[in-house]
N, C-alpha and C. Protein backbone atom coordinates (compact mmCIF):
# COMPACT_ATOMS: atom_id res chain seq x y z
N MET A 1 93.18 88.93 107.98
CA MET A 1 92.29 89.61 106.91
C MET A 1 92.74 90.98 106.84
N ASP A 2 92.86 91.44 105.22
CA ASP A 2 93.01 92.72 104.89
C ASP A 2 91.41 93.19 104.57
N TRP A 3 90.72 94.03 105.40
CA TRP A 3 89.56 94.38 105.46
C TRP A 3 89.13 95.21 104.34
N HIS A 4 90.23 95.89 103.88
CA HIS A 4 90.08 97.22 103.11
C HIS A 4 90.23 96.31 101.58
N ARG A 5 90.87 95.50 101.30
CA ARG A 5 90.83 94.77 99.94
C ARG A 5 89.71 94.06 100.07
N TRP A 6 89.40 93.42 101.23
CA TRP A 6 88.02 92.45 101.09
C TRP A 6 86.98 93.14 100.52
N HIS A 7 86.60 94.65 100.54
CA HIS A 7 85.59 95.27 100.04
C HIS A 7 85.83 95.50 98.34
N GLU A 8 86.80 94.94 97.67
CA GLU A 8 87.06 95.18 96.61
C GLU A 8 86.03 94.34 95.44
N SER A 9 85.59 93.03 96.25
CA SER A 9 84.64 92.30 95.69
C SER A 9 83.28 93.07 95.42
N TYR A 10 82.83 94.14 96.09
CA TYR A 10 81.79 94.79 95.73
C TYR A 10 81.53 95.35 94.26
N ALA A 11 82.95 95.46 93.64
CA ALA A 11 83.14 96.12 92.21
C ALA A 11 82.44 94.93 91.49
N ASP A 12 82.43 93.46 91.85
CA ASP A 12 82.05 92.71 90.92
C ASP A 12 80.31 92.67 90.89
N PRO A 13 79.53 92.90 89.91
CA PRO A 13 78.11 92.79 90.38
C PRO A 13 77.51 91.49 90.20
N GLU A 14 78.30 90.54 89.98
CA GLU A 14 77.90 88.89 90.12
C GLU A 14 78.32 88.28 91.55
N SER A 15 79.25 88.94 92.01
CA SER A 15 79.94 88.54 93.27
C SER A 15 78.84 88.33 94.47
N GLU A 16 79.01 87.39 95.27
CA GLU A 16 78.08 86.91 96.43
C GLU A 16 77.68 88.28 97.47
N LEU A 17 78.87 88.94 97.46
CA LEU A 17 78.79 89.92 98.28
C LEU A 17 77.98 91.42 97.76
N SER A 18 78.26 91.54 96.58
CA SER A 18 77.34 92.32 95.50
C SER A 18 75.76 92.13 95.82
N GLN A 19 75.58 90.93 95.83
CA GLN A 19 74.35 90.29 95.77
C GLN A 19 73.78 90.52 97.35
N ARG A 20 74.42 90.32 98.19
CA ARG A 20 73.87 90.74 99.44
C ARG A 20 73.85 91.88 99.95
N LEU A 21 74.73 93.10 99.15
CA LEU A 21 74.70 94.32 99.53
C LEU A 21 73.64 94.98 98.94
N GLU A 22 73.02 94.65 97.81
CA GLU A 22 71.82 94.92 97.09
C GLU A 22 70.51 94.84 98.05
N MET A 23 70.42 93.65 98.41
CA MET A 23 69.38 93.24 99.44
C MET A 23 69.43 94.16 100.89
N VAL A 24 70.66 94.20 101.38
CA VAL A 24 70.49 95.14 102.41
C VAL A 24 70.53 96.33 102.14
N ARG A 25 70.88 97.13 101.01
CA ARG A 25 70.44 98.56 100.52
C ARG A 25 68.74 98.60 100.29
N ASP A 26 68.05 97.62 99.81
CA ASP A 26 66.72 97.27 99.59
C ASP A 26 66.07 97.45 101.02
N GLN A 27 66.44 96.70 101.97
CA GLN A 27 65.92 96.86 103.30
C GLN A 27 66.23 98.10 104.27
N VAL A 28 67.36 98.81 104.03
CA VAL A 28 67.60 100.00 104.46
C VAL A 28 66.42 101.18 103.87
N ARG A 29 66.41 101.13 102.56
CA ARG A 29 65.03 101.97 101.90
C ARG A 29 64.11 101.94 102.48
N SER A 30 63.55 100.48 102.86
CA SER A 30 62.37 100.09 103.33
C SER A 30 62.28 100.52 104.73
N ALA A 31 63.27 100.47 105.29
CA ALA A 31 63.08 100.88 106.99
C ALA A 31 63.18 102.33 107.12
N LEU A 32 63.91 103.31 106.31
CA LEU A 32 63.86 104.57 106.23
C LEU A 32 62.32 105.12 105.86
N ASP A 33 61.70 104.52 104.76
CA ASP A 33 60.49 104.85 104.18
C ASP A 33 59.52 104.59 105.23
N ALA A 34 59.68 103.65 106.24
CA ALA A 34 58.85 103.48 107.32
C ALA A 34 58.79 104.27 108.49
N CYS A 35 59.97 104.87 108.54
CA CYS A 35 60.13 105.97 109.64
C CYS A 35 59.06 107.06 109.56
N PRO A 36 58.71 107.42 111.09
CA PRO A 36 57.68 108.43 111.17
C PRO A 36 58.57 109.96 110.86
N PRO A 37 57.66 110.99 110.76
CA PRO A 37 58.09 112.37 110.16
C PRO A 37 59.32 112.85 111.35
N GLY A 38 60.39 113.29 111.01
CA GLY A 38 61.31 113.81 112.09
C GLY A 38 62.72 113.06 111.63
N LEU A 39 63.47 113.37 113.19
CA LEU A 39 64.82 112.85 113.01
C LEU A 39 64.71 111.22 113.01
N ILE A 40 65.62 110.65 112.00
CA ILE A 40 65.97 109.18 112.07
C ILE A 40 67.29 108.99 112.62
N ARG A 41 67.76 108.05 113.59
CA ARG A 41 68.80 107.92 114.24
C ARG A 41 69.48 106.68 113.64
N VAL A 42 70.50 106.29 113.03
CA VAL A 42 70.89 105.18 112.62
C VAL A 42 72.40 104.89 113.26
N VAL A 43 72.69 103.50 113.68
CA VAL A 43 73.89 102.90 113.94
C VAL A 43 74.10 101.74 112.82
N SER A 44 75.41 101.62 112.89
CA SER A 44 76.26 100.70 112.03
C SER A 44 77.31 100.16 112.72
N ALA A 45 77.43 98.84 113.15
CA ALA A 45 78.25 98.45 113.87
C ALA A 45 79.54 97.60 112.72
N CYS A 46 80.58 97.80 112.78
CA CYS A 46 81.56 96.96 111.89
C CYS A 46 81.19 97.62 110.69
N ALA A 47 81.21 98.91 110.69
CA ALA A 47 80.40 99.49 109.12
C ALA A 47 80.99 99.49 107.91
N GLY A 48 82.84 99.06 108.01
CA GLY A 48 83.33 98.93 106.91
C GLY A 48 83.51 100.27 106.30
N GLN A 49 83.09 100.45 104.70
CA GLN A 49 83.26 101.43 104.05
C GLN A 49 82.11 102.43 103.87
N GLY A 50 80.85 101.57 104.56
CA GLY A 50 79.49 102.44 104.75
C GLY A 50 78.72 102.27 103.41
N ASP A 51 79.20 101.24 102.67
CA ASP A 51 78.42 101.15 101.35
C ASP A 51 76.99 101.17 101.63
N ASP A 52 76.76 100.12 102.58
CA ASP A 52 74.96 99.86 102.74
C ASP A 52 74.04 100.88 102.98
N LEU A 53 74.72 101.76 104.04
CA LEU A 53 73.92 103.14 104.57
C LEU A 53 74.16 104.32 103.27
N ILE A 54 75.31 104.60 103.23
CA ILE A 54 75.68 105.79 102.41
C ILE A 54 75.33 105.64 100.76
N GLY A 55 75.11 104.40 100.43
CA GLY A 55 74.83 104.08 99.17
C GLY A 55 73.39 104.47 98.78
N VAL A 56 72.62 104.36 100.12
CA VAL A 56 71.17 104.53 99.84
C VAL A 56 70.69 105.73 100.33
N LEU A 57 71.48 106.62 101.20
CA LEU A 57 71.12 107.96 101.41
C LEU A 57 71.38 108.88 100.62
N ARG A 58 72.41 108.78 99.44
CA ARG A 58 73.00 109.80 98.75
C ARG A 58 71.57 110.14 97.82
N ASP A 59 70.63 109.50 97.76
CA ASP A 59 69.48 110.06 96.49
C ASP A 59 68.00 109.51 97.30
N HIS A 60 68.07 109.18 98.94
CA HIS A 60 67.03 108.85 99.54
C HIS A 60 66.19 110.35 99.93
N PRO A 61 64.96 110.33 99.75
CA PRO A 61 64.21 111.69 100.09
C PRO A 61 64.27 111.90 101.65
N ARG A 62 64.74 110.93 102.63
CA ARG A 62 64.73 111.09 103.61
C ARG A 62 66.21 111.70 104.14
N ARG A 63 67.11 111.83 103.41
CA ARG A 63 68.54 111.63 103.66
C ARG A 63 68.66 112.76 104.66
N ASN A 64 68.26 114.19 104.52
CA ASN A 64 68.36 115.23 105.51
C ASN A 64 67.94 114.73 106.88
N ASP A 65 66.86 113.92 107.09
CA ASP A 65 66.65 113.79 108.38
C ASP A 65 67.55 112.55 109.14
N VAL A 66 68.24 112.12 108.46
CA VAL A 66 69.09 111.18 109.19
C VAL A 66 70.06 111.49 109.71
N ALA A 67 70.58 111.32 111.10
CA ALA A 67 71.76 111.26 111.98
C ALA A 67 72.33 109.72 112.04
N ALA A 68 73.58 109.69 111.46
CA ALA A 68 73.94 108.31 111.71
C ALA A 68 75.35 107.97 112.45
N ARG A 69 75.97 107.08 112.93
CA ARG A 69 77.31 106.78 113.53
C ARG A 69 77.69 105.36 112.84
N LEU A 70 78.81 105.53 112.16
CA LEU A 70 79.27 104.16 111.58
C LEU A 70 80.39 104.08 112.20
N ILE A 71 80.32 102.77 113.01
CA ILE A 71 81.65 102.15 113.97
C ILE A 71 82.60 101.27 112.92
N GLU A 72 83.93 101.74 112.80
CA GLU A 72 84.62 100.86 111.89
C GLU A 72 86.21 100.83 112.54
N LEU A 73 86.90 99.57 112.65
CA LEU A 73 87.97 99.70 113.37
C LEU A 73 89.32 100.04 112.32
N ASP A 74 88.82 99.34 111.09
CA ASP A 74 89.98 99.86 110.32
C ASP A 74 90.13 101.26 109.58
N GLU A 75 91.16 101.95 110.23
CA GLU A 75 91.02 103.53 109.63
C GLU A 75 91.12 103.46 108.16
N ARG A 76 91.62 102.73 107.39
CA ARG A 76 91.18 102.78 105.72
C ARG A 76 89.84 102.79 105.58
N ASN A 77 89.19 101.74 105.97
CA ASN A 77 87.78 101.76 105.56
C ASN A 77 87.14 102.80 106.20
N ALA A 78 87.21 103.37 107.15
CA ALA A 78 86.55 104.49 107.86
C ALA A 78 86.87 105.82 107.34
N GLY A 79 88.20 105.96 106.68
CA GLY A 79 88.29 107.03 105.54
C GLY A 79 87.63 107.01 104.51
N VAL A 80 87.66 105.73 103.83
CA VAL A 80 86.55 105.63 102.49
C VAL A 80 85.09 106.21 102.95
N ALA A 81 84.64 105.46 104.29
CA ALA A 81 83.20 105.85 104.70
C ALA A 81 83.23 107.50 104.69
N ARG A 82 84.37 107.87 105.45
CA ARG A 82 83.84 109.42 105.88
C ARG A 82 84.07 110.18 104.44
N ALA A 83 84.73 109.93 103.52
CA ALA A 83 84.87 110.54 102.15
C ALA A 83 83.72 110.40 101.34
N ALA A 84 83.42 109.24 101.69
CA ALA A 84 81.81 109.14 100.64
C ALA A 84 80.62 109.80 101.53
N ALA A 85 80.61 110.25 102.47
CA ALA A 85 79.51 110.69 103.45
C ALA A 85 79.90 112.22 102.73
N ALA A 86 81.11 112.68 103.09
CA ALA A 86 81.37 114.17 102.52
C ALA A 86 80.98 114.45 101.14
N ALA A 87 81.31 113.52 100.19
CA ALA A 87 81.09 113.60 98.96
C ALA A 87 79.47 113.53 98.65
N ALA A 88 78.75 113.16 99.43
CA ALA A 88 77.14 112.86 99.23
C ALA A 88 76.57 114.08 99.87
N GLY A 89 77.52 115.00 100.95
CA GLY A 89 76.93 115.93 101.63
C GLY A 89 76.16 115.52 102.66
N LEU A 90 76.51 114.29 103.07
CA LEU A 90 75.81 114.05 104.57
C LEU A 90 76.75 114.24 105.66
N GLY A 91 76.17 115.54 106.00
CA GLY A 91 77.02 116.14 107.09
C GLY A 91 76.66 115.30 108.58
N ALA A 92 75.59 114.71 108.38
CA ALA A 92 74.98 114.03 109.82
C ALA A 92 75.37 112.79 109.98
N VAL A 93 76.30 112.23 108.90
CA VAL A 93 76.88 110.72 108.90
C VAL A 93 78.00 110.82 109.92
N GLN A 94 78.21 110.19 110.97
CA GLN A 94 79.48 110.34 111.50
C GLN A 94 80.36 109.03 111.71
N VAL A 95 81.43 108.81 111.15
CA VAL A 95 82.32 107.78 111.21
C VAL A 95 83.34 107.88 112.39
N ILE A 96 83.38 106.74 113.02
CA ILE A 96 84.64 106.98 114.01
C ILE A 96 85.19 105.31 113.86
N VAL A 97 86.50 105.79 114.13
CA VAL A 97 87.43 104.49 114.20
C VAL A 97 87.34 104.03 115.68
N ALA A 98 86.71 102.89 115.92
CA ALA A 98 86.64 102.09 117.01
C ALA A 98 86.26 100.69 116.83
N ASP A 99 86.47 99.89 117.97
CA ASP A 99 85.84 98.63 118.29
C ASP A 99 84.24 98.68 118.46
N ALA A 100 83.83 98.02 117.47
CA ALA A 100 82.02 98.10 117.64
C ALA A 100 81.43 97.11 118.97
N GLY A 101 82.03 96.63 119.64
CA GLY A 101 81.81 95.75 120.63
C GLY A 101 81.23 96.41 121.77
N PRO A 102 81.97 97.48 122.36
CA PRO A 102 81.52 98.06 123.52
C PRO A 102 80.46 98.84 123.24
N THR A 103 79.58 99.06 124.30
CA THR A 103 78.26 99.67 124.15
C THR A 103 78.43 101.20 124.33
N ASN A 104 79.72 101.72 124.81
CA ASN A 104 79.86 102.96 125.02
C ASN A 104 80.07 103.73 123.76
N HIS A 105 80.07 103.19 122.75
CA HIS A 105 80.44 104.05 121.41
C HIS A 105 79.10 103.96 120.72
N TYR A 106 78.04 103.93 121.40
CA TYR A 106 76.59 103.75 120.88
C TYR A 106 75.98 105.17 121.68
N ARG A 107 76.68 105.56 122.78
CA ARG A 107 76.01 106.64 123.52
C ARG A 107 75.58 107.94 122.83
N GLY A 108 74.39 108.08 122.95
CA GLY A 108 73.82 109.37 122.44
C GLY A 108 73.09 109.03 121.06
N MET A 109 73.49 107.84 120.56
CA MET A 109 72.63 107.35 119.31
C MET A 109 71.97 106.33 119.64
N ALA A 110 71.61 105.83 120.75
CA ALA A 110 70.93 104.60 121.11
C ALA A 110 69.61 105.21 121.88
N PRO A 111 68.50 105.04 121.83
CA PRO A 111 67.97 103.95 120.80
C PRO A 111 67.90 104.50 119.61
N ALA A 112 68.18 103.77 118.57
CA ALA A 112 68.10 104.21 117.05
C ALA A 112 66.88 103.84 116.14
N ASP A 113 66.27 104.23 115.28
CA ASP A 113 65.54 103.94 114.40
C ASP A 113 65.73 102.86 113.70
N LEU A 114 67.27 102.78 113.18
CA LEU A 114 67.76 101.40 112.45
C LEU A 114 69.06 101.18 112.83
N VAL A 115 69.29 99.62 113.33
CA VAL A 115 70.71 99.51 113.68
C VAL A 115 71.18 98.36 112.55
N LEU A 116 72.28 98.34 111.98
CA LEU A 116 72.98 97.76 110.98
C LEU A 116 73.77 96.81 111.74
N LEU A 117 73.60 95.60 111.31
CA LEU A 117 74.71 94.55 111.96
C LEU A 117 74.88 93.50 110.93
N CYS A 118 75.54 94.35 109.93
CA CYS A 118 76.06 93.68 108.47
C CYS A 118 77.51 93.22 108.73
N GLY A 119 77.68 91.95 108.53
CA GLY A 119 79.01 91.35 108.19
C GLY A 119 79.46 91.06 109.96
N VAL A 120 78.75 91.28 110.43
CA VAL A 120 78.67 90.87 112.01
C VAL A 120 78.95 89.55 112.58
N PHE A 121 77.48 88.98 112.39
CA PHE A 121 77.32 87.65 112.95
C PHE A 121 78.02 86.45 112.71
N GLY A 122 78.75 86.52 111.34
CA GLY A 122 79.50 85.58 110.73
C GLY A 122 81.17 85.92 111.36
N ASN A 123 80.90 86.68 112.32
CA ASN A 123 82.65 86.90 112.52
C ASN A 123 82.71 87.10 114.05
N ILE A 124 81.63 86.47 115.13
CA ILE A 124 81.66 86.47 116.24
C ILE A 124 81.22 85.07 116.72
N SER A 125 81.19 84.81 117.86
CA SER A 125 81.04 83.68 118.47
C SER A 125 79.36 83.34 118.45
N ASP A 126 79.04 82.18 118.59
CA ASP A 126 77.60 82.04 118.60
C ASP A 126 77.04 82.50 119.98
N GLU A 127 77.75 82.58 121.17
CA GLU A 127 77.42 82.70 122.47
C GLU A 127 77.41 84.29 122.06
N ASP A 128 78.33 85.17 121.44
CA ASP A 128 77.93 86.47 121.30
C ASP A 128 76.92 86.86 120.39
N ILE A 129 76.64 86.30 119.52
CA ILE A 129 75.18 86.50 118.81
C ILE A 129 74.22 86.39 119.65
N GLU A 130 74.08 85.57 120.61
CA GLU A 130 72.87 85.40 121.32
C GLU A 130 73.12 86.45 122.23
N ARG A 131 74.01 86.79 122.91
CA ARG A 131 73.96 88.00 123.67
C ARG A 131 73.61 89.13 123.19
N THR A 132 74.47 89.53 122.00
CA THR A 132 73.93 90.53 121.35
C THR A 132 72.36 90.98 120.99
N VAL A 133 71.76 89.80 120.62
CA VAL A 133 70.37 89.62 120.18
C VAL A 133 69.39 89.78 121.24
N SER A 134 69.92 89.04 122.30
CA SER A 134 69.15 89.07 123.43
C SER A 134 68.98 90.00 124.53
N ILE A 135 70.18 90.68 124.45
CA ILE A 135 70.31 91.75 125.71
C ILE A 135 70.45 92.90 125.01
N TYR A 136 71.46 93.21 124.13
CA TYR A 136 71.70 94.50 123.48
C TYR A 136 70.95 95.16 122.46
N CYS A 137 70.23 94.29 121.43
CA CYS A 137 69.75 94.90 120.74
C CYS A 137 68.73 95.82 120.84
N ALA A 138 67.83 95.29 121.75
CA ALA A 138 66.63 96.21 122.60
C ALA A 138 67.10 97.41 122.97
N GLN A 139 68.19 97.47 123.56
CA GLN A 139 69.02 98.44 123.94
C GLN A 139 69.23 99.58 122.79
N LEU A 140 69.89 99.02 121.77
CA LEU A 140 70.15 100.03 120.42
C LEU A 140 68.94 100.28 119.70
N CYS A 141 67.84 99.67 120.08
CA CYS A 141 66.88 99.85 118.99
C CYS A 141 65.63 100.32 119.37
N LYS A 142 64.99 101.26 119.21
CA LYS A 142 63.81 102.15 119.92
C LYS A 142 62.67 101.27 119.60
N PRO A 143 61.54 101.32 120.05
CA PRO A 143 60.44 100.67 119.88
C PRO A 143 59.77 100.92 118.55
N GLY A 144 59.59 99.85 117.79
CA GLY A 144 59.35 100.28 116.62
C GLY A 144 60.50 100.25 115.22
N GLY A 145 61.69 100.45 115.81
CA GLY A 145 62.71 100.21 114.86
C GLY A 145 63.15 99.10 114.61
N ARG A 146 64.19 98.95 113.52
CA ARG A 146 64.57 97.72 112.79
C ARG A 146 65.99 97.28 113.14
N VAL A 147 66.14 96.25 113.14
CA VAL A 147 67.60 95.55 112.88
C VAL A 147 67.52 94.71 111.39
N ILE A 148 68.92 95.11 110.84
CA ILE A 148 69.21 94.50 109.79
C ILE A 148 70.48 93.81 109.94
N TRP A 149 70.47 92.34 109.75
CA TRP A 149 71.55 91.80 110.13
C TRP A 149 71.78 90.92 108.72
N THR A 150 73.22 90.13 108.78
CA THR A 150 73.37 89.42 107.74
C THR A 150 74.30 88.15 108.55
N ARG A 151 74.37 87.11 107.90
CA ARG A 151 75.19 85.85 108.28
C ARG A 151 75.01 84.77 107.24
N HIS A 152 76.36 84.23 107.02
CA HIS A 152 76.40 83.33 105.88
C HIS A 152 75.83 82.03 106.39
N ARG A 153 75.37 81.18 105.24
CA ARG A 153 74.59 80.05 105.63
C ARG A 153 75.17 78.74 105.41
N ARG A 154 76.62 78.60 105.38
CA ARG A 154 77.34 77.69 105.45
C ARG A 154 77.10 76.99 106.95
N GLU A 155 77.42 75.69 106.71
CA GLU A 155 77.07 74.85 108.00
C GLU A 155 77.87 75.07 108.95
N PRO A 156 77.56 75.25 110.36
CA PRO A 156 76.07 74.92 110.63
C PRO A 156 75.07 76.37 110.45
N ASP A 157 74.28 76.30 109.59
CA ASP A 157 73.30 77.26 109.39
C ASP A 157 72.88 77.91 110.38
N MET A 158 73.23 78.94 110.93
CA MET A 158 72.37 79.60 111.93
C MET A 158 71.41 80.71 111.71
N VAL A 159 71.26 80.82 110.58
CA VAL A 159 69.95 81.95 110.37
C VAL A 159 68.82 81.55 111.09
N PRO A 160 68.48 80.10 111.07
CA PRO A 160 67.05 80.28 111.70
C PRO A 160 67.25 80.09 113.58
N ARG A 161 68.30 79.76 113.81
CA ARG A 161 68.50 80.10 115.12
C ARG A 161 68.72 81.77 115.67
N ILE A 162 69.17 82.40 114.70
CA ILE A 162 69.13 83.79 114.75
C ILE A 162 67.73 84.53 114.97
N CYS A 163 67.02 83.82 114.09
CA CYS A 163 65.71 84.17 114.09
C CYS A 163 64.95 84.13 115.50
N GLU A 164 65.15 83.22 116.01
CA GLU A 164 64.35 82.32 116.97
C GLU A 164 65.00 83.28 118.26
N TRP A 165 66.20 83.72 118.32
CA TRP A 165 66.55 84.59 119.05
C TRP A 165 65.82 86.09 119.21
N PHE A 166 65.75 86.65 118.01
CA PHE A 166 65.40 87.72 117.89
C PHE A 166 63.69 87.60 118.27
N GLU A 167 63.22 86.63 118.00
CA GLU A 167 61.71 86.32 118.25
C GLU A 167 61.38 85.95 119.40
N GLY A 168 62.43 85.55 120.29
CA GLY A 168 62.00 85.22 121.53
C GLY A 168 62.40 86.44 122.34
N ASN A 169 62.90 87.62 121.89
CA ASN A 169 63.26 88.65 122.66
C ASN A 169 62.70 90.05 122.30
N ASP A 170 61.24 89.83 121.90
CA ASP A 170 60.52 90.93 121.57
C ASP A 170 60.87 91.80 120.19
N PHE A 171 61.43 91.12 119.28
CA PHE A 171 61.35 91.27 117.92
C PHE A 171 60.68 90.52 116.98
N ALA A 172 59.93 91.13 115.87
CA ALA A 172 59.01 90.42 114.98
C ALA A 172 60.03 90.48 113.63
N GLY A 173 59.74 88.99 112.84
CA GLY A 173 60.39 89.14 111.68
C GLY A 173 59.61 90.14 110.41
N VAL A 174 60.61 90.91 109.83
CA VAL A 174 59.92 91.66 108.80
C VAL A 174 60.18 90.94 107.50
N TRP A 175 61.33 90.54 107.42
CA TRP A 175 61.98 90.36 106.19
C TRP A 175 63.03 89.21 106.38
N LEU A 176 63.05 87.99 105.58
CA LEU A 176 64.24 87.24 105.56
C LEU A 176 64.71 86.55 103.88
N SER A 177 65.86 86.64 104.00
CA SER A 177 66.11 86.45 102.27
C SER A 177 65.77 85.02 102.02
N GLU A 178 65.55 84.67 100.69
CA GLU A 178 65.25 83.16 100.82
C GLU A 178 66.26 82.29 100.87
N HIS A 179 65.68 80.90 101.44
CA HIS A 179 66.79 79.89 101.54
C HIS A 179 67.22 79.43 100.14
N GLY A 180 68.66 78.62 100.13
CA GLY A 180 69.16 78.39 99.37
C GLY A 180 70.21 79.51 98.69
N LEU A 181 70.39 80.48 99.28
CA LEU A 181 71.71 81.24 98.83
C LEU A 181 72.77 80.94 99.78
N ASP A 182 73.78 81.75 99.62
CA ASP A 182 75.08 81.20 100.65
C ASP A 182 75.14 82.25 101.75
N PHE A 183 74.19 83.19 101.92
CA PHE A 183 74.09 84.33 102.84
C PHE A 183 72.82 84.50 103.19
N GLY A 184 72.63 85.03 104.66
CA GLY A 184 71.36 85.36 104.73
C GLY A 184 71.16 86.81 105.24
N VAL A 185 70.18 87.64 104.74
CA VAL A 185 69.78 88.85 105.23
C VAL A 185 68.46 88.78 105.98
N GLY A 186 68.78 89.44 107.07
CA GLY A 186 67.34 89.38 107.94
C GLY A 186 67.13 90.79 108.53
N VAL A 187 65.72 90.69 108.73
CA VAL A 187 65.07 92.48 109.07
C VAL A 187 64.17 91.85 110.47
N HIS A 188 64.51 92.52 111.52
CA HIS A 188 63.24 92.37 112.37
C HIS A 188 63.10 93.75 113.40
N ARG A 189 61.95 93.72 113.50
CA ARG A 189 61.46 95.13 114.26
C ARG A 189 60.98 94.85 115.93
N TYR A 190 61.71 95.69 116.48
CA TYR A 190 61.62 95.86 117.87
C TYR A 190 60.11 96.09 118.61
N THR A 191 59.66 95.19 119.09
CA THR A 191 58.15 95.57 119.62
C THR A 191 58.23 95.55 121.32
N GLY A 192 59.10 95.66 121.87
CA GLY A 192 59.02 95.53 123.40
C GLY A 192 59.32 96.97 123.68
N GLU A 193 59.49 97.12 125.00
CA GLU A 193 59.41 98.54 125.76
C GLU A 193 60.97 99.17 125.74
N PRO A 194 60.83 100.61 125.55
CA PRO A 194 61.92 101.17 125.83
C PRO A 194 63.29 100.40 126.84
N CYS A 195 64.30 100.64 126.42
CA CYS A 195 65.54 100.12 127.08
C CYS A 195 66.55 101.25 127.31
N ASP A 196 66.97 101.32 128.55
CA ASP A 196 68.45 102.15 128.64
C ASP A 196 69.57 101.42 128.19
N LEU A 197 70.48 102.13 127.28
CA LEU A 197 71.82 101.69 126.80
C LEU A 197 72.67 101.23 128.49
N GLU A 198 73.17 99.92 128.37
CA GLU A 198 74.10 99.66 129.38
C GLU A 198 75.51 100.13 128.94
N LEU A 199 75.74 101.36 129.80
CA LEU A 199 77.46 101.81 129.54
C LEU A 199 78.35 100.77 130.09
N GLY A 200 79.57 100.50 129.40
CA GLY A 200 80.28 99.79 129.89
C GLY A 200 80.18 98.19 129.58
N GLY A 201 79.28 98.12 128.81
CA GLY A 201 78.82 96.86 128.51
C GLY A 201 79.58 96.32 127.22
N HIS A 202 79.91 95.05 127.04
CA HIS A 202 80.56 94.57 125.67
C HIS A 202 79.68 93.57 125.05
N MET A 203 79.11 93.63 123.77
CA MET A 203 78.33 93.13 122.95
C MET A 203 79.10 91.86 122.48
N PHE A 204 80.15 91.89 121.97
CA PHE A 204 80.83 91.00 121.21
C PHE A 204 82.20 91.13 121.07
N THR A 205 82.94 90.15 120.61
CA THR A 205 84.48 90.20 120.31
C THR A 205 84.43 89.74 118.89
N PHE A 206 85.23 90.50 117.93
CA PHE A 206 85.25 90.42 116.68
C PHE A 206 86.30 89.28 116.32
N MET A 207 85.83 88.39 115.53
CA MET A 207 86.91 87.11 115.33
C MET A 207 87.05 86.90 114.07
N PRO A 208 87.81 87.57 113.03
CA PRO A 208 87.30 87.43 111.64
C PRO A 208 87.39 86.18 111.15
N SER A 209 86.34 85.66 110.12
CA SER A 209 86.23 84.24 109.90
C SER A 209 85.59 84.45 108.49
N ARG A 210 84.16 84.20 108.59
CA ARG A 210 83.50 84.27 106.82
C ARG A 210 82.60 84.83 106.87
N GLN A 211 82.32 86.01 107.44
CA GLN A 211 81.36 87.04 107.20
C GLN A 211 79.79 86.50 107.36
């Protein structure tokens, strides 16, 4: 899979990816709007070109409050994201070229106010999804913070199961895209106690498949 060319679908406003991106951006805006005054920490796993977060921060009133770390393995995509952040004057948006699975790459940024897991759950095993949700999301997300995630809805449709995993591990559902689309976008808010980040942990192994 050429993940740089994969992003070209965003240029088509009628594409499924463009529709999904707009939904994610709407939820990013809502999450930022809901944050209390002060610093807002954001982490994005498998961040691609950063379209979801950077596209919102360009003109969001809380843009100067946000410190973000985007983790992306493809150097070309990371370069695009880095250039977009610089062009938008987002000096506190950091882009690192790395595997998003190891927890060490989130050191210093977790727990965050907003965790983006977009384009992740369709490219890892079901076991890795469950482990990421049940163990690591609570470590990445501060109490009251939100996780925004996506998953295709082709059979087997794992979206309901992912919601169950979140809601069985101290996360409350905030929003879920309507059924009948080929993709799901979900938002869950962490209601549990603060958790320390397990350094040296491994959340998932990326296996490119179907988004």
